[in-house]
Amino acid sequence: MGTFDVRDMMKADAAASATPTMLGGPDAGQTRRFHPLAERIAAIPVKPTLSPVMIEGVTRLVDALAVAGTGALIYWLYVAGRVDYALPYQIAIPALAIGALAVFQALQLYPIGALRSILPSAVRLLTGWTMLFLITLAVFFFLKVSDQVSRGWLIGFYFAGAAALLSGRIALMLGVRHLTRNGRLERRTAIVGGGEAGEALIRALESQRDTGLRICGVFDDRNDERSPDLVAGYPKLGTIDDLVEFARRTKLDLVIFTLPISAEARLLTMLRKLWVLPIDIRLSAHLSKLRLRPRSYSYFGTVPVLDVFDRPIADWDIVVKWMFDKVVGVLALIALSPVMLATAISIKLDSKGPVFFRQKRYGFNNETVDVLKFRSLYHDKSDYAAATQVTKNDPRVTRVGRFIRKTSIDELPQLLNVVFKGDLSLVGPRPHAIHASTANRAYEQVVDGYFARHKVKPGITGWAQIHGWRGETDTDEKIQRRVEHDLYYIENWSVLLDLYILFKTPFSLLTKNENAY
């Protein structure tokens, strides 16, 4: 399904919306009242969306290739072999490609809105391209190199470049329109805080063009006249706890608070519940009397907001990490295949049962993933629910199992999760079993904000593991320290950090394995 409108759904399902239903909670299996419309919205299949930042990046790449490509092509067709001095062309072509990006950026040709309206964008594009060429001619004149550059090349470059740029824009415009119709450029948004402030924000957002926001509903902890059940035509779907549950059940990109900054205590209470989610959180400054410098705000059209939290890995970072996982994962799988084959044979010879062991664990945004491992326990004593942690000299562990657990060889089949299923990364917080606990208490009861470690995909190894926080978690400190390291990794992620962790992992397995049984 592509786009949807909550208000249309309300009209079509007014009777069903009048009666709340019971819905299971995400953690403890308890039931909670949940708005039926929220249940329906969460059940709508959501297609993967593309970030506007990525579309803008692709547009810049197309422009740069169009300019550099046409410049080189006209040079090859008209000039190559006919001049003795090629340096002016070698400098001019990349300089014009870079200059075009700068000029088009200044003319606001890269936001998504510019790709939806081709005629105004085409006029600005041709204006910018002409200005750039006039500047180039002036530079040639003042540097006294104009006699070294072919006029035929300049004329051909100008017209061919303009045609290539316009053709690229038309192709991108058609692509953006197709993506828009299919809901691939939407940012699914929830508004926190009803009443006049919420209504004013929604009206302001709806008056803007090309924001890409799709409002799913309003959430508010207040249940009095300050927070009516309907805000600017959108239903109040529940409280902040309901919003957390809603974001777990469906893709949610953005939460905007309409609370005033003066409501600090209430705002902090809500943020403590929401910061564990992999979403962007903004604070509306639409009606705020406090005026900061323009750079302090980000904008949806002309509606100002203050950035509170950003999802940790977004936009091009997602692409980079995906490519890193696939390329390095395939190389690791090939390099370690002899070790994995030898391990599989040893397990089969050592005890009866399958070679592999599958266990459901927490993945991205609390989704469950089937993690693959080499079996290290006797088959009839396998603990699929992780009800009992493996301890030192645990009789359930096989002879081969002791070695592969100590060296973490039992984790190698998770490379298949990374390469083929894509539900794990090479590096990230280690996935914990759903019912894992320490001292008979669930991890989320021990560590405040525990689920924030699920804002990114879990990994085979991680920052906590190379610092020795792996294996048994029989004390509160062990799980607290592990989560602290996981959160540090999430907030400081980079490709270089991933490479460092992968490099350090083999050494940490040899020197920091006292907790691995």
Protein backbone atom coordinates (compact mmCIF):
# COMPACT_ATOMS: atom_id res chain seq x y z
CA MET A 1 0.00 0.00 0.00
CA GLY A 2 1.27 3.49 -0.78
CA THR A 3 0.00 6.56 1.02
CA PHE A 4 -2.86 6.68 3.48
CA ASP A 5 -4.82 9.40 5.25
CA VAL A 6 -5.81 8.92 8.88
CA ARG A 7 -8.85 11.17 8.48
CA ASP A 8 -10.18 9.09 5.58
CA MET A 9 -9.71 5.96 7.68
CA MET A 10 -11.67 7.58 10.50
CA LYS A 11 -14.58 8.32 8.20
CA ALA A 12 -14.55 4.80 6.79
CA ASP A 13 -14.28 3.14 10.16
CA ALA A 14 -16.05 5.47 12.58
CA ALA A 15 -17.90 2.65 14.30
CA ALA A 16 -14.80 0.59 14.94
CA SER A 17 -12.90 3.62 16.19
CA ALA A 18 -15.39 4.16 18.98
CA THR A 19 -14.39 1.06 20.93
CA PRO A 20 -10.84 0.48 22.16
CA THR A 21 -9.37 -3.02 21.91
CA MET A 22 -6.89 -4.97 23.97
CA LEU A 23 -3.38 -5.31 22.65
CA GLY A 24 -0.41 -7.23 23.96
CA GLY A 25 2.48 -5.22 25.40
CA PRO A 26 5.91 -5.57 23.78
CA ASP A 27 7.88 -6.73 26.79
CA ALA A 28 5.96 -8.38 29.55
CA GLY A 29 3.13 -9.87 27.48
CA GLN A 30 0.63 -7.82 29.44
CA THR A 31 -2.51 -6.46 27.77
CA ARG A 32 -3.10 -2.74 27.40
CA ARG A 33 -5.83 -0.63 25.92
CA PHE A 34 -4.92 0.47 22.43
CA HIS A 35 -6.86 2.67 20.02
CA PRO A 36 -8.32 0.51 17.21
CA LEU A 37 -7.29 3.05 14.59
CA ALA A 38 -3.69 2.79 15.81
CA GLU A 39 -4.02 -0.97 15.45
CA ARG A 40 -5.23 -0.55 11.86
CA ILE A 41 -2.48 1.91 10.93
CA ALA A 42 0.16 -0.37 12.43
CA ALA A 43 -1.21 -3.26 10.35
CA ILE A 44 -0.80 -1.39 7.04
CA PRO A 45 2.18 -2.83 5.11
CA VAL A 46 4.91 -0.21 4.84
CA LYS A 47 7.27 -0.15 1.88
CA PRO A 48 10.90 0.79 2.52
CA THR A 49 11.31 4.54 2.18
CA LEU A 50 14.13 6.57 0.72
CA SER A 51 15.67 9.49 2.55
CA PRO A 52 15.43 12.93 0.87
CA VAL A 53 19.12 13.33 1.72
CA MET A 54 19.89 10.31 -0.46
CA ILE A 55 17.77 11.64 -3.33
CA GLU A 56 19.60 14.97 -3.10
CA GLY A 57 22.93 13.13 -3.12
CA VAL A 58 21.96 11.17 -6.23
CA THR A 59 20.89 14.43 -7.91
CA ARG A 60 24.27 16.01 -7.18
CA LEU A 61 26.02 12.97 -8.58
CA VAL A 62 23.92 13.07 -11.77
CA ASP A 63 24.68 16.78 -12.24
CA ALA A 64 28.40 16.31 -11.70
CA LEU A 65 28.53 13.37 -14.13
CA ALA A 66 26.46 15.29 -16.71
CA VAL A 67 28.86 18.25 -16.65
CA ALA A 68 32.10 16.27 -16.51
CA GLY A 69 30.85 13.71 -19.04
CA THR A 70 29.72 16.22 -21.66
CA GLY A 71 32.87 18.30 -21.23
CA ALA A 72 35.07 15.25 -21.78
CA LEU A 73 32.91 14.01 -24.67
CA ILE A 74 33.03 17.33 -26.56
CA TYR A 75 36.79 17.49 -25.95
CA TRP A 76 37.24 13.98 -27.36
CA LEU A 77 35.05 14.70 -30.41
CA TYR A 78 36.27 18.19 -31.25
CA VAL A 79 39.63 18.94 -29.64
CA ALA A 80 41.59 15.75 -28.90
CA GLY A 81 44.63 15.42 -31.13
CA ARG A 82 44.28 18.97 -32.45
CA VAL A 83 45.90 20.89 -29.59
CA ASP A 84 49.33 20.64 -28.03
CA TYR A 85 48.36 22.03 -24.63
CA ALA A 86 45.54 20.10 -22.87
CA LEU A 87 46.04 21.43 -19.33
CA PRO A 88 43.35 24.20 -19.54
CA TYR A 89 40.76 21.57 -20.51
CA GLN A 90 41.91 19.17 -17.78
CA ILE A 91 41.45 21.92 -15.20
CA ALA A 92 38.31 23.49 -16.66
CA ILE A 93 36.17 20.33 -16.89
CA PRO A 94 36.38 19.24 -13.20
CA ALA A 95 36.30 22.88 -12.09
CA LEU A 96 33.04 23.44 -13.97
CA ALA A 97 31.57 20.23 -12.50
CA ILE A 98 32.38 21.40 -8.97
CA GLY A 99 31.26 24.96 -9.76
CA ALA A 100 27.93 23.69 -11.09
CA LEU A 101 27.25 21.92 -7.80
CA ALA A 102 28.01 25.09 -5.84
CA VAL A 103 25.86 27.32 -8.08
CA PHE A 104 22.93 24.86 -8.12
CA GLN A 105 23.13 24.55 -4.35
CA ALA A 106 22.91 28.33 -4.01
CA LEU A 107 19.89 28.32 -6.33
CA GLN A 108 18.09 25.72 -4.15
CA LEU A 109 17.96 23.11 -6.90
CA TYR A 110 18.57 20.07 -4.70
CA PRO A 111 15.65 19.89 -2.22
CA ILE A 112 12.96 17.36 -3.11
CA GLY A 113 10.51 20.15 -3.90
CA ALA A 114 12.74 21.32 -6.76
CA LEU A 115 12.54 17.85 -8.28
CA ARG A 116 8.74 17.91 -8.25
CA SER A 117 8.35 21.13 -10.25
CA ILE A 118 10.35 20.79 -13.45
CA LEU A 119 9.58 24.14 -15.18
CA PRO A 120 10.74 26.52 -12.39
CA SER A 121 13.71 24.24 -11.72
CA ALA A 122 14.64 24.15 -15.41
CA VAL A 123 14.66 27.96 -15.59
CA ARG A 124 16.88 28.23 -12.52
CA LEU A 125 19.14 25.46 -13.77
CA LEU A 126 19.72 27.11 -17.15
CA THR A 127 20.24 30.46 -15.44
CA GLY A 128 22.84 28.98 -13.12
CA TRP A 129 24.57 27.11 -15.96
CA THR A 130 24.75 30.31 -18.03
CA MET A 131 26.11 32.31 -15.09
CA LEU A 132 28.76 29.65 -14.50
CA PHE A 133 29.90 29.84 -18.12
CA LEU A 134 30.07 33.62 -18.05
CA ILE A 135 32.22 33.40 -14.92
CA THR A 136 34.42 30.81 -16.66
CA LEU A 137 34.91 33.08 -19.67
CA ALA A 138 35.85 35.94 -17.36
CA VAL A 139 38.41 33.74 -15.60
CA PHE A 140 39.93 32.68 -18.93
CA PHE A 141 40.16 36.34 -19.96
CA PHE A 142 41.85 37.57 -16.78
CA LEU A 143 44.27 34.62 -16.74
CA LYS A 144 45.07 35.31 -20.40
CA VAL A 145 44.42 31.72 -21.46
CA SER A 146 41.37 32.35 -23.63
CA ASP A 147 43.45 31.91 -26.77
CA GLN A 148 44.45 28.43 -25.56
CA VAL A 149 40.86 27.17 -25.28
CA SER A 150 38.78 26.25 -28.32
CA ARG A 151 35.70 28.40 -28.79
CA GLY A 152 34.02 25.48 -30.51
CA TRP A 153 34.62 23.37 -27.42
CA LEU A 154 33.16 26.07 -25.17
CA ILE A 155 30.03 26.48 -27.32
CA GLY A 156 29.55 22.74 -27.67
CA PHE A 157 30.15 22.20 -23.95
CA TYR A 158 27.60 24.86 -23.03
CA PHE A 159 24.75 23.50 -25.15
CA ALA A 160 25.54 19.80 -24.62
CA GLY A 161 25.92 20.37 -20.89
CA ALA A 162 22.58 22.19 -20.72
CA ALA A 163 20.89 19.36 -22.59
CA ALA A 164 22.47 16.71 -20.35
CA LEU A 165 21.53 18.57 -17.18
CA LEU A 166 17.92 19.04 -18.30
CA SER A 167 17.65 15.40 -19.37
CA GLY A 168 18.96 14.26 -16.00
CA ARG A 169 16.49 16.52 -14.20
CA ILE A 170 13.53 15.22 -16.18
CA ALA A 171 14.53 11.62 -15.46
CA LEU A 172 14.93 12.38 -11.76
CA MET A 173 11.63 14.26 -11.67
CA LEU A 174 9.80 11.29 -13.14
CA GLY A 175 11.51 9.02 -10.62
CA VAL A 176 10.59 11.26 -7.69
CA ARG A 177 6.97 11.47 -8.80
CA HIS A 178 6.80 7.69 -9.05
CA LEU A 179 8.35 7.28 -5.59
CA THR A 180 5.95 9.89 -4.17
CA ARG A 181 2.88 8.14 -5.58
CA ASN A 182 4.03 4.89 -4.00
CA GLY A 183 4.71 6.45 -0.60
CA ARG A 184 8.46 5.84 -0.81
CA LEU A 185 9.39 9.40 0.18
CA GLU A 186 7.04 9.77 3.16
CA ARG A 187 8.17 10.47 6.69
CA ARG A 188 5.61 8.85 8.97
CA THR A 189 5.11 11.31 11.79
CA ALA A 190 3.48 11.35 15.20
CA ILE A 191 2.57 14.57 17.04
CA VAL A 192 3.00 14.61 20.83
CA GLY A 193 0.76 17.09 22.60
CA GLY A 194 -2.77 18.03 21.65
CA GLY A 195 -4.84 21.12 22.29
CA GLU A 196 -4.26 24.49 20.60
CA ALA A 197 -0.52 24.02 20.25
CA GLY A 198 -0.93 20.68 18.51
CA GLU A 199 -3.63 22.02 16.21
CA ALA A 200 -1.55 25.08 15.30
CA LEU A 201 1.44 22.88 14.44
CA ILE A 202 -0.60 20.51 12.27
CA ARG A 203 -2.23 23.41 10.41
CA ALA A 204 1.20 24.97 9.82
CA LEU A 205 2.67 21.71 8.53
CA GLU A 206 -0.27 21.09 6.22
CA SER A 207 0.11 24.56 4.72
CA GLN A 208 3.63 23.67 3.56
CA ARG A 209 4.38 22.02 0.24
CA ASP A 210 6.67 19.05 -0.28
CA THR A 211 7.54 18.35 3.35
CA GLY A 212 6.85 14.65 2.77
CA LEU A 213 5.34 14.32 6.26
CA ARG A 214 2.52 11.81 6.71
CA ILE A 215 0.87 12.44 10.09
CA CYS A 216 -0.27 9.18 11.68
CA GLY A 217 -1.95 10.67 14.73
CA VAL A 218 -1.60 12.53 18.01
CA PHE A 219 -0.39 11.15 21.34
CA ASP A 220 -0.80 12.88 24.69
CA ASP A 221 -0.64 11.79 28.32
CA ARG A 222 -3.29 14.34 29.30
CA ASN A 223 -6.90 13.20 29.45
CA ASP A 224 -8.67 16.47 30.22
CA GLU A 225 -10.13 19.31 28.17
CA ARG A 226 -6.61 20.52 27.28
CA SER A 227 -6.20 17.45 25.06
CA PRO A 228 -9.32 16.65 23.02
CA ASP A 229 -9.79 13.35 21.20
CA LEU A 230 -9.57 15.10 17.83
CA VAL A 231 -6.83 17.59 16.92
CA ALA A 232 -7.08 19.35 13.54
CA GLY A 233 -8.98 16.33 12.24
CA TYR A 234 -6.45 13.80 13.53
CA PRO A 235 -7.35 11.37 16.34
CA LYS A 236 -5.57 11.11 19.65
CA LEU A 237 -4.31 7.54 19.51
CA GLY A 238 -3.12 7.22 23.09
CA THR A 239 -0.39 8.08 25.57
CA ILE A 240 3.40 8.11 25.28
CA ASP A 241 3.48 4.45 26.30
CA ASP A 242 1.08 3.75 23.45
CA LEU A 243 3.38 5.69 21.12
CA VAL A 244 6.32 3.47 22.07
CA GLU A 245 4.18 0.41 21.34
CA PHE A 246 2.97 1.97 18.08
CA ALA A 247 6.54 2.66 16.92
CA ARG A 248 7.48 -0.95 17.69
CA ARG A 249 4.62 -2.26 15.55
CA THR A 250 5.02 -0.05 12.48
CA LYS A 251 7.62 2.12 10.82
CA LEU A 252 7.70 5.57 12.37
CA ASP A 253 10.26 8.13 11.22
CA LEU A 254 9.60 11.26 13.21
CA VAL A 255 8.05 12.49 16.46
CA ILE A 256 7.36 16.21 16.93
CA PHE A 257 6.65 17.57 20.41
CA THR A 258 4.38 20.59 20.68
CA LEU A 259 5.14 21.09 24.37
CA PRO A 260 6.65 24.44 25.38
CA ILE A 261 10.24 24.44 26.60
CA SER A 262 8.90 25.69 29.95
CA ALA A 263 7.30 22.26 30.49
CA GLU A 264 10.77 20.85 31.15
CA ALA A 265 9.85 18.14 33.67
CA ARG A 266 7.03 16.76 31.54
CA LEU A 267 9.17 16.91 28.42
CA LEU A 268 12.05 15.02 30.04
CA THR A 269 9.69 12.33 31.35
CA MET A 270 8.38 11.72 27.85
CA LEU A 271 11.81 11.82 26.22
CA ARG A 272 13.10 9.15 28.62
CA LYS A 273 10.49 6.81 27.21
CA LEU A 274 11.02 7.71 23.55
CA TRP A 275 14.79 8.03 23.19
CA VAL A 276 15.14 4.24 23.02
CA LEU A 277 13.38 4.27 19.62
CA PRO A 278 15.28 4.54 16.29
CA ILE A 279 13.44 7.70 15.23
CA ASP A 280 14.10 11.43 14.88
CA ILE A 281 12.65 13.55 17.68
CA ARG A 282 11.98 17.26 17.21
CA LEU A 283 10.57 20.01 19.43
CA SER A 284 8.24 22.44 17.70
CA ALA A 285 9.31 26.07 17.85
CA HIS A 286 6.33 27.25 15.82
CA LEU A 287 4.61 29.13 18.65
CA SER A 288 7.63 29.63 20.89
CA LYS A 289 8.33 33.21 21.97
CA LEU A 290 11.98 32.27 22.43
CA ARG A 291 13.87 33.20 19.28
CA LEU A 292 17.26 31.64 18.66
CA ARG A 293 19.64 32.14 15.76
CA PRO A 294 18.31 30.68 12.47
CA ARG A 295 21.10 28.08 12.48
CA SER A 296 19.71 26.69 15.72
CA TYR A 297 16.61 25.43 13.91
CA SER A 298 15.83 22.92 11.25
CA TYR A 299 12.76 23.42 9.12
CA PHE A 300 9.81 21.63 7.55
CA GLY A 301 9.09 24.15 4.85
CA THR A 302 9.02 27.32 6.93
CA VAL A 303 7.98 25.63 10.19
CA PRO A 304 10.93 25.75 12.64
CA VAL A 305 11.79 22.87 14.98
CA LEU A 306 14.60 22.16 17.41
CA ASP A 307 16.51 18.91 16.95
CA VAL A 308 16.37 16.77 20.09
CA PHE A 309 17.43 13.28 18.95
CA ASP A 310 18.48 11.88 15.59
CA ARG A 311 18.40 8.24 14.64
CA PRO A 312 22.00 7.10 15.00
CA ILE A 313 22.64 5.58 11.55
CA ALA A 314 20.60 7.18 8.78
CA ASP A 315 20.65 8.32 5.16
CA TRP A 316 23.93 7.48 3.40
CA ASP A 317 25.33 5.93 6.58
CA ILE A 318 22.83 3.09 6.15
CA VAL A 319 24.10 2.45 2.61
CA VAL A 320 27.74 2.58 3.70
CA LYS A 321 27.19 0.18 6.58
CA TRP A 322 25.14 -2.18 4.38
CA MET A 323 27.90 -2.29 1.76
CA PHE A 324 30.53 -2.76 4.47
CA ASP A 325 28.60 -5.69 5.94
CA LYS A 326 28.07 -7.38 2.58
CA VAL A 327 31.61 -6.96 1.20
CA VAL A 328 33.52 -7.74 4.38
CA GLY A 329 30.98 -10.42 5.35
CA VAL A 330 31.45 -12.31 2.07
CA LEU A 331 35.25 -12.10 2.38
CA ALA A 332 35.09 -13.32 5.99
CA LEU A 333 32.76 -16.15 5.04
CA ILE A 334 35.17 -17.32 2.33
CA ALA A 335 38.26 -16.97 4.54
CA LEU A 336 36.69 -18.74 7.54
CA SER A 337 34.88 -21.48 5.63
CA PRO A 338 37.62 -24.09 6.40
CA VAL A 339 37.28 -23.31 10.12
CA MET A 340 33.49 -23.55 9.92
CA LEU A 341 33.66 -26.86 8.04
CA ALA A 342 36.10 -28.33 10.58
CA THR A 343 33.88 -27.12 13.44
CA ALA A 344 30.77 -28.68 11.88
CA ILE A 345 32.53 -32.03 11.50
CA SER A 346 33.83 -31.89 15.11
CA ILE A 347 30.36 -31.14 16.49
CA LYS A 348 28.86 -34.03 14.55
CA LEU A 349 31.53 -36.46 15.77
CA ASP A 350 31.41 -35.24 19.38
CA SER A 351 27.67 -35.56 20.16
CA LYS A 352 24.34 -36.42 18.59
CA GLY A 353 22.16 -33.71 17.19
CA PRO A 354 22.20 -30.96 14.56
CA VAL A 355 25.28 -28.90 13.82
CA PHE A 356 23.48 -25.58 14.08
CA PHE A 357 21.43 -24.01 16.85
CA ARG A 358 18.80 -21.34 16.22
CA GLN A 359 17.59 -18.96 18.88
CA LYS A 360 15.21 -16.00 18.78
CA ARG A 361 16.86 -12.80 19.93
CA TYR A 362 16.19 -9.09 19.95
CA GLY A 363 17.09 -7.32 16.71
CA PHE A 364 16.62 -3.82 15.34
CA ASN A 365 13.77 -1.92 17.06
CA ASN A 366 13.00 -4.94 19.29
CA GLU A 367 12.10 -7.10 16.30
CA THR A 368 12.90 -10.77 16.80
CA VAL A 369 15.55 -12.40 14.63
CA ASP A 370 16.60 -16.05 14.36
CA VAL A 371 20.27 -16.06 15.25
CA LEU A 372 22.31 -18.97 13.90
CA LYS A 373 25.11 -20.53 15.97
CA PHE A 374 27.10 -23.73 16.10
CA ARG A 375 25.52 -26.04 18.66
CA SER A 376 27.65 -26.08 21.82
CA LEU A 377 25.25 -27.82 24.24
CA TYR A 378 24.04 -31.40 24.20
CA HIS A 379 21.01 -31.51 21.92
CA ASP A 380 18.62 -32.80 24.60
CA LYS A 381 19.73 -29.97 26.92
CA SER A 382 19.43 -27.13 24.43
CA ASP A 383 17.98 -23.98 25.96
CA TYR A 384 16.10 -22.21 23.16
CA ALA A 385 14.52 -19.66 25.52
CA ALA A 386 17.82 -18.86 27.31
CA ALA A 387 16.07 -19.52 30.60
CA THR A 388 19.36 -20.51 32.26
CA GLN A 389 22.67 -18.88 31.43
CA VAL A 390 25.67 -21.05 30.69
CA THR A 391 28.04 -20.99 33.66
CA LYS A 392 31.57 -22.15 34.32
CA ASN A 393 31.92 -25.97 34.04
CA ASP A 394 28.28 -26.19 32.95
CA PRO A 395 27.52 -29.91 32.38
CA ARG A 396 25.23 -29.06 29.46
CA VAL A 397 28.21 -27.94 27.35
CA THR A 398 29.89 -30.51 25.11
CA ARG A 399 33.66 -30.96 24.86
CA VAL A 400 33.79 -29.24 21.49
CA GLY A 401 31.28 -26.71 22.80
CA ARG A 402 33.66 -25.53 25.54
CA PHE A 403 36.33 -24.71 23.00
CA ILE A 404 34.13 -23.00 20.43
CA ARG A 405 32.37 -20.95 23.11
CA LYS A 406 35.67 -19.87 24.63
CA THR A 407 36.98 -18.77 21.24
CA SER A 408 33.59 -17.51 19.94
CA ILE A 409 33.83 -19.85 16.96
CA ASP A 410 30.24 -20.80 17.76
CA GLU A 411 29.23 -17.33 16.53
CA LEU A 412 30.68 -17.73 13.01
CA PRO A 413 27.45 -19.02 11.38
CA GLN A 414 26.02 -15.58 12.06
CA LEU A 415 27.97 -14.48 9.00
CA LEU A 416 25.12 -16.15 7.12
CA ASN A 417 22.70 -13.81 8.95
CA VAL A 418 24.81 -10.85 7.82
CA VAL A 419 25.37 -11.83 4.20
CA PHE A 420 22.10 -13.54 3.23
CA LYS A 421 19.38 -12.42 5.65
CA GLY A 422 20.64 -8.96 6.51
CA ASP A 423 19.16 -8.98 10.02
CA LEU A 424 22.60 -8.77 11.68
CA SER A 425 25.62 -6.55 11.09
CA LEU A 426 29.26 -7.49 11.45
CA VAL A 427 29.63 -4.92 14.22
CA GLY A 428 26.96 -3.75 16.63
CA PRO A 429 25.46 -4.52 20.04
CA ARG A 430 25.35 -8.28 20.56
CA PRO A 431 21.79 -9.65 20.22
CA HIS A 432 20.45 -10.86 23.54
CA ALA A 433 17.99 -13.69 23.97
CA ILE A 434 14.44 -12.42 24.48
CA HIS A 435 14.07 -13.95 27.94
CA ALA A 436 17.65 -13.38 29.08
CA SER A 437 17.99 -12.22 32.67
CA THR A 438 20.47 -11.60 35.46
CA ALA A 439 19.74 -12.56 39.05
CA ASN A 440 16.18 -13.50 37.95
CA ARG A 441 15.54 -10.00 36.63
CA ALA A 442 15.08 -9.15 32.95
CA TYR A 443 17.81 -6.95 31.51
CA GLU A 444 15.40 -4.06 30.89
CA GLN A 445 14.57 -4.10 34.62
CA VAL A 446 18.24 -3.84 35.54
CA VAL A 447 19.35 -1.14 33.10
CA ASP A 448 17.36 2.03 32.53
CA GLY A 449 17.04 2.63 28.78
CA TYR A 450 18.15 -0.91 27.96
CA PHE A 451 16.17 -1.03 24.70
CA ALA A 452 18.11 1.95 23.32
CA ARG A 453 20.75 -0.60 22.28
CA HIS A 454 18.25 -1.83 19.68
CA LYS A 455 18.29 1.46 17.74
CA VAL A 456 20.71 -0.21 15.31
CA LYS A 457 21.08 -3.73 13.97
CA PRO A 458 22.82 -6.12 16.38
CA GLY A 459 26.25 -7.40 15.43
CA ILE A 460 28.48 -10.45 15.65
CA THR A 461 31.04 -8.47 17.60
CA GLY A 462 30.98 -5.05 19.18
CA TRP A 463 32.54 -2.37 21.35
CA ALA A 464 31.52 -4.17 24.53
CA GLN A 465 33.04 -7.47 23.39
CA ILE A 466 36.51 -6.10 22.62
CA HIS A 467 36.54 -4.55 26.10
CA GLY A 468 35.88 -7.90 27.74
CA TRP A 469 32.16 -7.52 28.44
CA ARG A 470 31.04 -10.81 26.93
CA GLY A 471 29.83 -14.15 28.18
CA GLU A 472 27.93 -14.68 31.42
CA THR A 473 26.00 -11.73 32.92
CA ASP A 474 25.45 -12.98 36.45
CA THR A 475 25.66 -9.53 38.08
CA ASP A 476 23.96 -6.20 37.47
CA GLU A 477 27.31 -4.53 36.78
CA LYS A 478 28.13 -6.83 33.88
CA ILE A 479 24.96 -6.09 31.96
CA GLN A 480 25.13 -2.39 32.85
CA ARG A 481 28.69 -2.11 31.56
CA ARG A 482 27.79 -4.01 28.41
CA VAL A 483 24.88 -1.67 27.67
CA GLU A 484 27.04 1.40 28.38
CA HIS A 485 29.55 0.23 25.79
CA ASP A 486 26.77 -0.57 23.30
CA LEU A 487 25.32 2.93 23.65
CA TYR A 488 28.78 4.47 23.22
CA TYR A 489 29.16 2.57 19.96
CA ILE A 490 25.75 3.69 18.69
CA GLU A 491 26.43 7.35 19.40
CA ASN A 492 29.95 7.29 17.91
CA TRP A 493 29.53 4.95 14.96
CA SER A 494 31.77 5.28 11.92
CA VAL A 495 33.26 2.90 9.38
CA LEU A 496 36.67 3.44 10.97
CA LEU A 497 35.24 2.40 14.34
CA ASP A 498 33.82 -0.77 12.76
CA LEU A 499 37.20 -1.55 11.21
CA TYR A 500 38.93 -0.97 14.55
CA ILE A 501 36.51 -3.30 16.35
CA LEU A 502 36.95 -6.03 13.73
CA PHE A 503 40.73 -5.68 13.99
CA LYS A 504 40.67 -5.87 17.80
CA THR A 505 38.20 -8.76 18.03
CA PRO A 506 40.67 -11.66 17.52
CA PHE A 507 43.05 -10.21 20.13
CA SER A 508 40.27 -9.65 22.67
CA LEU A 509 39.12 -13.27 22.20
CA LEU A 510 42.58 -14.43 23.26
CA THR A 511 43.14 -12.00 26.14
CA LYS A 512 39.68 -11.14 27.49
CA ASN A 513 37.77 -14.40 27.61
CA GLU A 514 37.50 -14.99 31.35
CA ASN A 515 33.69 -14.60 31.26
CA ALA A 516 33.14 -16.85 28.23
CA TYR A 517 32.16 -20.40 29.20
